[in-house]
Amino acid sequence: MMTNKNPDKNALLLGMGFDNSDGQRRITKGDNFCLVGGSEETHDRMTETTIKFNEKLARKGKHLSELSREEFRDMMREASE
């Protein structure tokens, strides 16, 4: 199990979309995340999922760097539903 108990460590969710065909450059940054690219629909979905993920993280009272792989996977799965 990979759990980082060091709050000084940084962690970042990076989302990348590759289905852009309209020439727009989409970049969204927030707490714990940076989202780049994608069509408008894809970028909106990445943004929505990441916001839901961060809300779940806040409810647990944890930092991204403190999650185990299993916790991360479960929370991301729930956020993307």
C-alpha atoms as a PDB file:
ATOM      1  CA  MET A   1       0.000   0.000   0.000  1.00  0.00           C
ATOM      2  CA  MET A   2       1.336   3.380  -0.995  1.00  0.00           C
ATOM      3  CA  THR A   3       0.270   6.037   1.496  1.00  0.00           C
ATOM      4  CA  ASN A   4       2.094   9.298   1.925  1.00  0.00           C
ATOM      5  CA  LYS A   5       1.660  10.652   5.436  1.00  0.00           C
ATOM      6  CA  ASN A   6       3.948  13.620   4.784  1.00  0.00           C
ATOM      7  CA  PRO A   7       1.776  16.740   4.333  1.00  0.00           C
ATOM      8  CA  ASP A   8       4.802  18.597   2.931  1.00  0.00           C
ATOM      9  CA  LYS A   9       4.718  16.370  -0.140  1.00  0.00           C
ATOM     10  CA  ASN A  10       2.820  17.757  -3.100  1.00  0.00           C
ATOM     11  CA  ALA A  11       0.359  15.794  -5.176  1.00  0.00           C
ATOM     12  CA  LEU A  12      -1.499  16.896  -8.280  1.00  0.00           C
ATOM     13  CA  LEU A  13      -4.225  15.421 -10.448  1.00  0.00           C
ATOM     14  CA  LEU A  14      -3.333  15.968 -14.097  1.00  0.00           C
ATOM     15  CA  GLY A  15      -6.072  15.527 -16.669  1.00  0.00           C
ATOM     16  CA  MET A  16      -5.305  15.566 -20.372  1.00  0.00           C
ATOM     17  CA  GLY A  17      -7.840  15.474 -23.184  1.00  0.00           C
ATOM     18  CA  PHE A  18      -6.779  14.585 -26.701  1.00  0.00           C
ATOM     19  CA  ASP A  19     -10.025  14.888 -28.663  1.00  0.00           C
ATOM     20  CA  ASN A  20      -9.862  18.605 -29.447  1.00  0.00           C
ATOM     21  CA  SER A  21     -10.620  19.501 -33.050  1.00  0.00           C
ATOM     22  CA  ASP A  22     -11.792  23.121 -32.686  1.00  0.00           C
ATOM     23  CA  GLY A  23      -8.370  24.686 -32.078  1.00  0.00           C
ATOM     24  CA  GLN A  24      -9.237  26.014 -28.611  1.00  0.00           C
ATOM     25  CA  ARG A  25      -6.669  25.758 -25.808  1.00  0.00           C
ATOM     26  CA  ARG A  26      -8.410  24.712 -22.637  1.00  0.00           C
ATOM     27  CA  ILE A  27      -6.611  24.878 -19.292  1.00  0.00           C
ATOM     28  CA  THR A  28      -8.306  24.690 -15.912  1.00  0.00           C
ATOM     29  CA  LYS A  29      -6.389  24.844 -12.632  1.00  0.00           C
ATOM     30  CA  GLY A  30      -7.644  24.409  -9.099  1.00  0.00           C
ATOM     31  CA  ASP A  31      -6.857  22.884  -5.739  1.00  0.00           C
ATOM     32  CA  ASN A  32      -4.971  19.645  -6.397  1.00  0.00           C
ATOM     33  CA  PHE A  33      -5.525  19.642 -10.170  1.00  0.00           C
ATOM     34  CA  CYS A  34      -4.602  20.904 -13.610  1.00  0.00           C
ATOM     35  CA  LEU A  35      -6.676  19.972 -16.666  1.00  0.00           C
ATOM     36  CA  VAL A  36      -5.395  20.508 -20.189  1.00  0.00           C
ATOM     37  CA  GLY A  37      -6.937  20.069 -23.612  1.00  0.00           C
ATOM     38  CA  GLY A  38      -9.879  18.111 -24.826  1.00  0.00           C
ATOM     39  CA  SER A  39     -13.035  19.098 -26.625  1.00  0.00           C
ATOM     40  CA  GLU A  40     -15.433  21.377 -24.764  1.00  0.00           C
ATOM     41  CA  GLU A  41     -17.460  18.337 -23.684  1.00  0.00           C
ATOM     42  CA  THR A  42     -14.418  16.359 -22.527  1.00  0.00           C
ATOM     43  CA  HIS A  43     -12.913  19.301 -20.670  1.00  0.00           C
ATOM     44  CA  ASP A  44     -16.228  20.008 -18.929  1.00  0.00           C
ATOM     45  CA  ARG A  45     -16.483  16.375 -17.849  1.00  0.00           C
ATOM     46  CA  MET A  46     -12.912  16.356 -16.530  1.00  0.00           C
ATOM     47  CA  THR A  47     -13.647  19.559 -14.600  1.00  0.00           C
ATOM     48  CA  GLU A  48     -16.871  18.200 -13.121  1.00  0.00           C
ATOM     49  CA  THR A  49     -15.218  14.922 -12.102  1.00  0.00           C
ATOM     50  CA  THR A  50     -12.270  16.691 -10.502  1.00  0.00           C
ATOM     51  CA  ILE A  51     -14.491  19.070  -8.546  1.00  0.00           C
ATOM     52  CA  LYS A  52     -16.554  16.131  -7.244  1.00  0.00           C
ATOM     53  CA  PHE A  53     -13.336  14.316  -6.343  1.00  0.00           C
ATOM     54  CA  ASN A  54     -12.043  17.337  -4.395  1.00  0.00           C
ATOM     55  CA  GLU A  55     -15.375  17.623  -2.566  1.00  0.00           C
ATOM     56  CA  LYS A  56     -15.101  13.973  -1.496  1.00  0.00           C
ATOM     57  CA  LEU A  57     -11.503  14.551  -0.433  1.00  0.00           C
ATOM     58  CA  ALA A  58     -12.529  17.549   1.700  1.00  0.00           C
ATOM     59  CA  ARG A  59     -15.338  15.555   3.347  1.00  0.00           C
ATOM     60  CA  LYS A  60     -12.773  12.918   4.328  1.00  0.00           C
ATOM     61  CA  GLY A  61     -10.525  15.641   5.725  1.00  0.00           C
ATOM     62  CA  LYS A  62      -7.539  14.360   3.757  1.00  0.00           C
ATOM     63  CA  HIS A  63      -4.978  15.727   1.351  1.00  0.00           C
ATOM     64  CA  LEU A  64      -4.444  14.100  -2.032  1.00  0.00           C
ATOM     65  CA  SER A  65      -0.953  12.993  -0.960  1.00  0.00           C
ATOM     66  CA  GLU A  66      -2.442  11.016   1.952  1.00  0.00           C
ATOM     67  CA  LEU A  67      -4.609   8.688  -0.138  1.00  0.00           C
ATOM     68  CA  SER A  68      -3.713   5.078  -0.757  1.00  0.00           C
ATOM     69  CA  ARG A  69      -4.013   3.820  -4.318  1.00  0.00           C
ATOM     70  CA  GLU A  70      -7.214   2.003  -3.390  1.00  0.00           C
ATOM     71  CA  GLU A  71      -8.767   5.107  -1.806  1.00  0.00           C
ATOM     72  CA  PHE A  72      -7.808   7.200  -4.826  1.00  0.00           C
ATOM     73  CA  ARG A  73      -9.231   4.677  -7.275  1.00  0.00           C
ATOM     74  CA  ASP A  74     -12.500   4.295  -5.330  1.00  0.00           C
ATOM     75  CA  MET A  75     -12.993   8.035  -4.921  1.00  0.00           C
ATOM     76  CA  MET A  76     -12.235   8.738  -8.589  1.00  0.00           C
ATOM     77  CA  ARG A  77     -14.635   6.011  -9.684  1.00  0.00           C
ATOM     78  CA  GLU A  78     -17.404   7.507  -7.526  1.00  0.00           C
ATOM     79  CA  ALA A  79     -16.668  11.051  -8.750  1.00  0.00           C
ATOM     80  CA  SER A  80     -16.878  10.034 -12.396  1.00  0.00           C
ATOM     81  CA  GLU A  81     -20.281   8.358 -12.120  1.00  0.00           C
END
